Amino acid sequence: MSHVWRGFQRLTRVDAARDSFFRSVKLEPTEPEEVALSEALWRVLAEDVSAPADVPPRARAALDGYAVRSTDTLGASPESPIVLRVVGEVRAGHPPDFGLSAGEAARIFTGAYLPEGADAVVPVEDAEELGESVEIYTQVPAWKNVARPGEDVKRGELVLKAGTPLGPYEIGLLAELNIPRVPVRRRPRVALACTGDEIVEVGGDVPLGKVPNSLRFIVEAMIRQAGGEPTYLGMVEDEPDELIRAVESARDADLILTTGGTSVGKADMVYRAVLEAGGEMVVHGVAAMPGRPALLAKLPDGRPWIGLPGYPVAAVVDFRLFAAPAIWRLLGLRWRPLAPGVRARLVAPIPSSPGVRHFARVRLTLSEAGDLLAEPVRVSGSGILSSLVRADGFVEVPEDVEGYPEGSVVWVELLTPYERWREWI
């Protein structure tokens, strides 16, 4: 039986593809769940948080010294010290049970609450204790060397907004507010099915003509990195009915991902499975290199279905372009995550075709002068997985730019946070 091969009739530009897809599918933030602070790292806050109390709740010493009434230090100097009577001592964690009257001082340590009547702290180096008295050698104004009530956070103040990713400092602030548990967005459930008669599971025998399913582990790791929770649906034969059954088994998934079978050849059946399942093709074929065979669709219930190409570099590019932003929307993130990058000078040209966004893999090195250089690892070859290991990042060439000549200063979006071009240890 003859078969007529046909290419993509039309390629959609990357930004237009993403916009059309996100307008078409259901990407509402997931429902909240409550977690302990110890489990909240990089979870996304589901509700606004306001301070239940002032921080600090009372005036406290910002350094070691002597708590005083500021009016008692007027005119104090090394030549003419003021002498005050020491009536007590206050340590952090032990609230004072006494107050200060005129002419009195209290020994105080960093973080301790000021006694009633005190409104300033004289540093220990600006005073000298003599028996039951202390000589003050400097004049201090009211609230000098003191953290005032609410100076850090005021009661009722909005401290964190919904959609904020919780890093170490946000978690620390919640702990300071004595909030032990926090409402966060449930991690989006991302169902992953891998298609292709040529793949076998990693760890088993690999007969001639077969390849280990490395893409499963790449995509699962990227799902977790983006904030999602992957569910592996297994390997699916190149038959639309098999893929439809796999997808229908993931009814609780927020996002469907498939790998392989996204082109328009005889064995590329993902788009047929989408249509036979009653879904809608939003975009099929993106003006990206690598990554052209991307498939963006929606199921009848509005859930998104992203078909990633079977070649690993193309799948990585399309995941970064479409799947990661979809997960971020499901998380309700307030801000788009920053893509860490550096500027470097090309040591070789990067060609590109007009109308297509190119993603060139580059390796970073240092010149003798200490300048950062970018060397293309491989401009083409979407199946060369090792190029992602050898590369430090991508150089993105926009659709309307016809390549970058040697010597161009380019932005390198990093694939790794490590300075692999420089020995550290």
Protein backbone atom coordinates (compact mmCIF):
# COMPACT_ATOMS: atom_id res chain seq x y z
CA MET A 1 0.00 0.00 0.00
CA SER A 2 1.50 3.32 -1.03
CA HIS A 3 1.68 6.26 1.31
CA VAL A 4 2.07 9.89 0.40
CA TRP A 5 4.37 11.68 2.84
CA ARG A 6 3.43 15.24 3.51
CA GLY A 7 5.04 17.91 5.63
CA PHE A 8 3.43 20.48 7.86
CA GLN A 9 1.19 22.70 5.79
CA ARG A 10 1.85 25.63 8.09
CA LEU A 11 4.21 26.38 10.96
CA THR A 12 2.98 28.67 13.73
CA ARG A 13 5.40 31.12 15.32
CA VAL A 14 6.34 30.27 18.89
CA ASP A 15 4.65 33.21 20.64
CA ALA A 16 1.49 32.90 18.56
CA ALA A 17 1.36 29.14 19.24
CA ARG A 18 1.69 29.65 22.99
CA ASP A 19 -0.91 32.44 23.06
CA SER A 20 -3.43 30.45 21.02
CA PHE A 21 -2.93 27.36 23.14
CA PHE A 22 -3.31 29.11 26.48
CA ARG A 23 -6.45 30.92 25.29
CA SER A 24 -7.98 27.64 24.20
CA VAL A 25 -7.36 25.31 27.12
CA LYS A 26 -8.41 25.17 30.76
CA LEU A 27 -5.51 26.23 32.96
CA GLU A 28 -7.14 27.33 36.21
CA PRO A 29 -4.90 27.18 39.31
CA THR A 30 -5.17 23.94 41.23
CA GLU A 31 -7.05 23.78 44.53
CA PRO A 32 -5.28 24.69 47.79
CA GLU A 33 -3.83 22.20 50.24
CA GLU A 34 -2.17 22.85 53.58
CA VAL A 35 1.42 21.81 54.25
CA ALA A 36 3.88 22.23 57.10
CA LEU A 37 6.55 24.89 56.67
CA SER A 38 9.17 22.15 56.56
CA GLU A 39 7.50 20.85 53.37
CA ALA A 40 6.75 24.22 51.78
CA LEU A 41 9.99 24.95 49.90
CA TRP A 42 9.14 26.28 46.40
CA ARG A 43 5.47 25.51 46.82
CA VAL A 44 3.18 28.29 45.59
CA LEU A 45 1.14 30.22 48.14
CA ALA A 46 -2.60 29.81 47.57
CA GLU A 47 -3.86 32.65 49.79
CA ASP A 48 -2.69 36.07 50.92
CA VAL A 49 -0.95 36.11 54.30
CA SER A 50 -1.31 39.04 56.70
CA ALA A 51 0.70 39.45 59.89
CA PRO A 52 -1.27 38.31 62.95
CA ALA A 53 0.92 40.40 65.27
CA ASP A 54 3.67 43.00 65.31
CA VAL A 55 7.22 41.77 64.76
CA PRO A 56 8.86 42.44 67.12
CA PRO A 57 5.95 42.64 69.55
CA ARG A 58 7.91 44.94 71.90
CA ALA A 59 10.95 47.17 71.66
CA ARG A 60 14.12 45.09 71.81
CA ALA A 61 17.84 45.78 71.93
CA ALA A 62 19.71 45.75 68.63
CA LEU A 63 23.07 45.24 70.36
CA ASP A 64 24.69 44.54 73.71
CA GLY A 65 24.84 47.51 76.09
CA TYR A 66 22.72 49.39 78.59
CA ALA A 67 19.03 50.15 78.35
CA VAL A 68 18.44 53.77 79.33
CA ARG A 69 15.99 56.64 79.23
CA SER A 70 17.34 58.78 76.38
CA THR A 71 16.70 62.00 78.34
CA ASP A 72 19.11 60.74 81.01
CA THR A 73 22.01 60.76 78.52
CA LEU A 74 21.74 64.41 77.46
CA GLY A 75 25.20 65.97 77.34
CA ALA A 76 27.10 62.73 77.96
CA SER A 77 30.63 62.57 76.53
CA PRO A 78 33.97 60.91 77.32
CA GLU A 79 35.07 64.12 79.04
CA SER A 80 31.81 64.50 80.95
CA PRO A 81 30.17 61.09 81.45
CA ILE A 82 26.71 60.65 82.90
CA VAL A 83 26.52 58.24 85.82
CA LEU A 84 23.42 56.00 86.08
CA ARG A 85 22.54 53.36 88.65
CA VAL A 86 22.37 49.77 87.29
CA VAL A 87 19.15 48.21 88.58
CA GLY A 88 19.02 44.93 86.67
CA GLU A 89 19.91 42.81 83.67
CA VAL A 90 17.82 41.60 80.71
CA ARG A 91 18.72 38.64 78.51
CA ALA A 92 17.04 37.55 75.29
CA GLY A 93 14.14 35.22 75.99
CA HIS A 94 13.61 36.56 79.52
CA PRO A 95 11.17 39.50 79.57
CA PRO A 96 12.08 42.14 82.19
CA ASP A 97 10.04 42.19 85.39
CA PHE A 98 11.14 45.70 86.34
CA GLY A 99 11.08 49.20 84.86
CA LEU A 100 13.47 52.15 84.75
CA SER A 101 13.05 55.41 86.59
CA ALA A 102 15.03 58.61 86.13
CA GLY A 103 18.76 58.07 86.65
CA GLU A 104 18.59 54.28 86.18
CA ALA A 105 19.96 51.84 83.58
CA ALA A 106 19.82 48.09 82.93
CA ARG A 107 22.43 45.78 81.49
CA ILE A 108 20.89 44.36 78.26
CA PHE A 109 21.85 41.87 75.57
CA THR A 110 21.03 41.72 71.85
CA GLY A 111 17.41 40.71 71.21
CA ALA A 112 16.21 41.31 74.77
CA TYR A 113 13.09 43.38 75.39
CA LEU A 114 13.60 46.84 76.90
CA PRO A 115 12.34 47.41 80.43
CA GLU A 116 9.37 49.71 80.86
CA GLY A 117 10.55 53.33 80.74
CA ALA A 118 13.64 52.65 78.60
CA ASP A 119 13.69 53.97 75.03
CA ALA A 120 17.31 53.60 73.92
CA VAL A 121 20.42 51.42 74.26
CA VAL A 122 23.95 52.70 74.88
CA PRO A 123 26.51 50.35 73.22
CA VAL A 124 28.69 48.47 75.69
CA GLU A 125 31.82 50.10 74.21
CA ASP A 126 30.43 53.56 75.02
CA ALA A 127 29.98 52.81 78.71
CA GLU A 128 31.93 51.51 81.68
CA GLU A 129 30.37 49.80 84.65
CA LEU A 130 31.76 50.71 88.06
CA GLY A 131 30.26 48.75 90.92
CA GLU A 132 26.52 49.37 90.98
CA SER A 133 26.74 52.28 88.54
CA VAL A 134 27.64 52.77 84.89
CA GLU A 135 29.35 55.74 83.26
CA ILE A 136 27.73 56.70 79.93
CA TYR A 137 30.15 58.35 77.46
CA THR A 138 27.75 59.19 74.61
CA GLN A 139 24.40 60.84 74.22
CA VAL A 140 21.73 58.65 72.54
CA PRO A 141 18.42 59.85 71.06
CA ALA A 142 15.15 58.05 71.61
CA TRP A 143 15.00 54.59 69.95
CA LYS A 144 18.73 54.55 69.18
CA ASN A 145 19.99 50.94 68.84
CA VAL A 146 16.45 49.65 69.38
CA ALA A 147 14.16 47.60 67.13
CA ARG A 148 10.79 49.25 67.66
CA PRO A 149 7.49 47.31 67.86
CA GLY A 150 6.32 46.41 64.35
CA GLU A 151 9.60 47.59 62.80
CA ASP A 152 9.95 44.31 60.88
CA VAL A 153 6.26 43.61 60.23
CA LYS A 154 3.18 45.45 61.49
CA ARG A 155 0.07 43.64 62.64
CA GLY A 156 -2.44 43.33 59.78
CA GLU A 157 0.19 44.08 57.13
CA LEU A 158 -0.05 42.03 53.92
CA VAL A 159 3.29 40.24 53.90
CA LEU A 160 2.91 37.62 51.15
CA LYS A 161 0.47 37.53 48.24
CA ALA A 162 -1.17 34.48 46.74
CA GLY A 163 0.89 33.12 43.87
CA THR A 164 4.21 33.74 45.62
CA PRO A 165 6.70 30.85 45.42
CA LEU A 166 7.95 30.09 48.91
CA GLY A 167 11.72 30.25 49.11
CA PRO A 168 13.85 30.06 52.26
CA TYR A 169 13.23 33.72 53.18
CA GLU A 170 9.46 33.61 52.70
CA ILE A 171 9.34 30.45 54.81
CA GLY A 172 11.47 32.16 57.44
CA LEU A 173 9.07 35.11 57.56
CA LEU A 174 6.10 32.78 58.02
CA ALA A 175 7.96 31.07 60.85
CA GLU A 176 8.70 34.44 62.46
CA LEU A 177 4.97 35.13 62.35
CA ASN A 178 4.44 31.82 64.19
CA ILE A 179 2.51 30.30 61.27
CA PRO A 180 3.35 26.56 61.29
CA ARG A 181 1.28 25.50 58.27
CA VAL A 182 0.51 27.31 55.05
CA PRO A 183 -2.02 26.93 52.20
CA VAL A 184 -0.33 26.18 48.88
CA ARG A 185 -1.46 25.14 45.44
CA ARG A 186 -1.59 21.43 44.83
CA ARG A 187 1.19 20.35 42.52
CA PRO A 188 -0.33 19.92 39.05
CA ARG A 189 -0.75 16.29 38.08
CA VAL A 190 0.95 15.71 34.74
CA ALA A 191 0.25 12.41 32.99
CA LEU A 192 3.01 11.20 30.68
CA ALA A 193 2.66 8.58 27.97
CA CYS A 194 5.58 7.63 25.72
CA THR A 195 4.81 6.41 22.23
CA GLY A 196 6.93 4.52 19.75
CA ASP A 197 7.34 0.87 18.77
CA GLU A 198 11.11 1.38 18.94
CA ILE A 199 11.41 2.19 22.67
CA VAL A 200 11.87 -0.21 25.56
CA GLU A 201 11.92 0.47 29.28
CA VAL A 202 15.26 1.39 30.81
CA GLY A 203 16.98 -1.49 32.60
CA GLY A 204 15.70 -4.31 30.40
CA ASP A 205 17.08 -5.96 27.29
CA VAL A 206 17.53 -3.68 24.27
CA PRO A 207 17.08 -5.78 21.12
CA LEU A 208 18.57 -4.63 17.84
CA GLY A 209 16.49 -1.75 16.46
CA LYS A 210 15.17 -0.73 19.89
CA VAL A 211 16.31 2.14 22.14
CA PRO A 212 15.94 2.72 25.90
CA ASN A 213 13.17 5.15 26.83
CA SER A 214 15.46 7.91 28.11
CA LEU A 215 12.90 10.58 27.25
CA ARG A 216 10.62 9.38 30.04
CA PHE A 217 13.20 10.31 32.66
CA ILE A 218 14.11 13.62 31.03
CA VAL A 219 10.48 14.74 30.92
CA GLU A 220 9.62 13.46 34.41
CA ALA A 221 12.57 15.41 35.82
CA MET A 222 11.53 18.57 33.96
CA ILE A 223 7.95 18.19 35.24
CA ARG A 224 9.23 18.09 38.82
CA GLN A 225 11.61 20.97 38.13
CA ALA A 226 8.68 23.08 36.89
CA GLY A 227 6.62 22.28 40.00
CA GLY A 228 4.42 19.46 38.74
CA GLU A 229 3.90 15.87 39.83
CA PRO A 230 4.37 13.31 37.03
CA THR A 231 2.34 10.15 36.58
CA TYR A 232 3.80 7.71 34.09
CA LEU A 233 1.16 6.02 31.94
CA GLY A 234 3.66 3.67 30.33
CA MET A 235 4.78 3.01 26.78
CA VAL A 236 2.08 3.02 24.14
CA GLU A 237 2.18 1.31 20.76
CA ASP A 238 1.82 3.40 17.63
CA GLU A 239 -1.94 2.91 17.53
CA PRO A 240 -4.43 5.74 18.21
CA ASP A 241 -6.78 3.46 20.19
CA GLU A 242 -3.98 2.45 22.56
CA LEU A 243 -3.06 6.07 23.20
CA ILE A 244 -6.69 7.10 23.72
CA ARG A 245 -7.10 4.37 26.35
CA ALA A 246 -3.96 5.54 28.15
CA VAL A 247 -5.09 9.17 28.17
CA GLU A 248 -8.61 8.26 29.33
CA SER A 249 -7.10 6.42 32.30
CA ALA A 250 -5.64 9.73 33.54
CA ARG A 251 -8.92 11.46 34.31
CA ASP A 252 -7.50 13.26 37.34
CA ALA A 253 -4.53 14.71 35.44
CA ASP A 254 -4.39 18.47 34.95
CA LEU A 255 -2.12 18.18 31.90
CA ILE A 256 -1.47 15.40 29.41
CA LEU A 257 2.00 15.00 27.91
CA THR A 258 2.97 12.52 25.26
CA THR A 259 6.33 11.91 23.63
CA GLY A 260 6.88 10.85 20.06
CA GLY A 261 4.48 10.47 17.18
CA THR A 262 3.84 14.18 16.75
CA SER A 263 4.86 14.63 13.14
CA VAL A 264 2.68 13.90 10.10
CA GLY A 265 4.13 10.61 8.90
CA LYS A 266 2.34 7.30 8.66
CA ALA A 267 3.47 6.18 12.13
CA ASP A 268 2.86 9.58 13.73
CA MET A 269 -0.54 8.96 15.25
CA VAL A 270 -0.83 11.42 18.15
CA TYR A 271 -2.82 13.98 16.17
CA ARG A 272 -5.15 11.21 15.00
CA ALA A 273 -5.62 10.07 18.60
CA VAL A 274 -6.48 13.64 19.65
CA LEU A 275 -9.17 13.91 16.98
CA GLU A 276 -10.57 10.43 17.54
CA ALA A 277 -10.82 11.18 21.29
CA GLY A 278 -13.01 14.17 20.44
CA GLY A 279 -10.26 16.67 21.15
CA GLU A 280 -9.29 19.76 19.21
CA MET A 281 -5.99 20.50 17.53
CA VAL A 282 -4.93 24.04 18.43
CA VAL A 283 -1.45 24.05 16.89
CA HIS A 284 0.38 21.35 14.98
CA GLY A 285 3.82 22.38 13.86
CA VAL A 286 5.77 25.24 15.42
CA ALA A 287 8.38 27.47 13.77
CA ALA A 288 11.12 26.32 16.15
CA MET A 289 14.37 24.51 15.43
CA PRO A 290 14.62 22.05 17.06
CA GLY A 291 11.05 21.49 18.16
CA ARG A 292 9.06 21.87 14.96
CA PRO A 293 6.76 18.84 15.44
CA ALA A 294 5.16 20.24 18.60
CA LEU A 295 1.48 19.38 19.03
CA LEU A 296 -0.79 21.56 21.16
CA ALA A 297 -4.32 20.30 21.67
CA LYS A 298 -7.19 20.19 24.12
CA LEU A 299 -9.42 17.37 25.27
CA PRO A 300 -13.22 17.65 25.15
CA ASP A 301 -13.24 18.72 28.83
CA GLY A 302 -10.80 21.55 28.10
CA ARG A 303 -7.70 19.96 29.61
CA PRO A 304 -4.46 20.64 27.72
CA TRP A 305 -2.64 17.95 25.76
CA ILE A 306 0.92 18.67 24.67
CA GLY A 307 2.63 16.33 22.25
CA LEU A 308 6.41 16.52 22.54
CA PRO A 309 8.60 15.24 19.70
CA GLY A 310 10.39 11.93 20.15
CA TYR A 311 13.86 13.41 19.69
CA PRO A 312 15.21 14.52 23.08
CA VAL A 313 16.57 17.98 22.23
CA ALA A 314 13.37 18.90 20.39
CA ALA A 315 11.33 17.58 23.33
CA VAL A 316 13.37 19.66 25.80
CA VAL A 317 12.91 22.83 23.74
CA ASP A 318 9.16 22.31 23.39
CA PHE A 319 8.78 21.46 27.08
CA ARG A 320 10.49 24.74 27.99
CA LEU A 321 8.32 26.66 25.51
CA PHE A 322 4.92 25.15 26.28
CA ALA A 323 4.73 22.55 29.06
CA ALA A 324 6.61 24.46 31.77
CA PRO A 325 4.51 27.64 31.30
CA ALA A 326 1.35 25.51 31.43
CA ILE A 327 2.44 24.04 34.77
CA TRP A 328 3.23 27.53 36.08
CA ARG A 329 -0.28 28.68 35.18
CA LEU A 330 -1.77 25.68 36.93
CA LEU A 331 0.26 26.66 39.99
CA GLY A 332 -1.10 30.19 39.86
CA LEU A 333 2.37 31.73 39.93
CA ARG A 334 2.33 35.52 40.22
CA TRP A 335 5.56 35.89 38.27
CA ARG A 336 7.11 34.03 35.40
CA PRO A 337 10.26 32.25 36.62
CA LEU A 338 13.49 33.90 35.55
CA ALA A 339 15.60 31.97 33.06
CA PRO A 340 19.14 32.32 34.45
CA GLY A 341 21.60 33.39 31.82
CA VAL A 342 24.87 35.12 31.01
CA ARG A 343 26.25 37.22 28.19
CA ALA A 344 29.04 35.70 26.16
CA ARG A 345 30.87 36.31 22.88
CA LEU A 346 30.47 33.78 20.08
CA VAL A 347 33.65 32.11 18.85
CA ALA A 348 31.83 30.70 15.81
CA PRO A 349 28.77 31.82 13.85
CA ILE A 350 25.25 30.49 14.49
CA PRO A 351 23.23 30.30 11.27
CA SER A 352 19.44 30.34 11.18
CA SER A 353 16.56 30.39 8.73
CA PRO A 354 14.22 33.41 8.48
CA GLY A 355 10.83 32.89 10.11
CA VAL A 356 12.05 30.11 12.42
CA ARG A 357 13.20 30.55 16.03
CA HIS A 358 16.45 28.66 16.50
CA PHE A 359 17.83 27.25 19.76
CA ALA A 360 21.55 26.61 19.46
CA ARG A 361 23.39 24.65 22.12
CA VAL A 362 26.61 26.30 23.28
CA ARG A 363 29.47 25.50 25.62
CA LEU A 364 30.95 28.29 27.73
CA THR A 365 34.66 28.85 28.20
CA LEU A 366 36.87 31.59 29.61
CA SER A 367 39.39 33.48 27.50
CA GLU A 368 42.86 34.24 28.85
CA ALA A 369 41.58 37.74 29.57
CA GLY A 370 38.72 36.32 31.63
CA ASP A 371 35.98 37.01 29.07
CA LEU A 372 33.13 34.54 28.73
CA LEU A 373 33.04 32.82 25.34
CA ALA A 374 30.26 30.75 23.77
CA GLU A 375 31.13 27.93 21.41
CA PRO A 376 28.32 26.17 19.51
CA VAL A 377 28.21 22.52 20.51
CA ARG A 378 25.90 21.51 17.73
CA VAL A 379 23.65 23.84 15.81
CA SER A 380 21.46 21.02 14.46
CA GLY A 381 20.74 17.44 15.46
CA SER A 382 17.66 17.21 17.69
CA GLY A 383 18.38 13.56 18.49
CA ILE A 384 21.85 14.14 19.95
CA LEU A 385 21.12 13.84 23.66
CA SER A 386 24.78 14.13 24.67
CA SER A 387 24.81 17.67 23.25
CA LEU A 388 22.60 18.73 26.18
CA VAL A 389 25.15 17.31 28.61
CA ARG A 390 28.09 18.98 26.86
CA ALA A 391 26.27 22.29 26.50
CA ASP A 392 25.99 24.96 29.17
CA GLY A 393 23.00 26.67 27.60
CA PHE A 394 20.89 27.70 24.63
CA VAL A 395 21.34 30.74 22.43
CA GLU A 396 17.93 31.74 21.10
CA VAL A 397 17.91 33.26 17.61
CA PRO A 398 14.60 35.11 16.98
CA GLU A 399 12.51 34.46 13.88
CA ASP A 400 13.42 37.80 12.29
CA VAL A 401 17.18 37.49 12.80
CA GLU A 402 19.25 35.66 10.19
CA GLY A 403 21.79 34.13 12.52
CA TYR A 404 24.59 35.59 14.64
CA PRO A 405 28.08 36.10 13.19
CA GLU A 406 31.25 35.18 15.02
CA GLY A 407 32.12 37.78 17.62
CA SER A 408 28.51 38.63 18.45
CA VAL A 409 27.68 39.13 22.12
CA VAL A 410 24.70 36.87 22.82
CA TRP A 411 22.50 35.93 25.77
CA VAL A 412 23.01 32.32 26.87
CA GLU A 413 20.05 30.79 28.71
CA LEU A 414 21.71 28.38 31.10
CA LEU A 415 20.89 24.69 31.23
CA THR A 416 22.98 24.19 34.37
CA PRO A 417 23.69 26.45 37.36
CA TYR A 418 27.27 25.20 37.57
CA GLU A 419 30.36 26.93 36.19
CA ARG A 420 31.58 23.88 34.34
CA TRP A 421 34.13 25.90 32.39
CA ARG A 422 36.04 26.68 35.55
CA GLU A 423 37.46 24.25 38.13
CA TRP A 424 36.38 25.11 41.65
CA ILE A 425 37.51 22.26 43.85
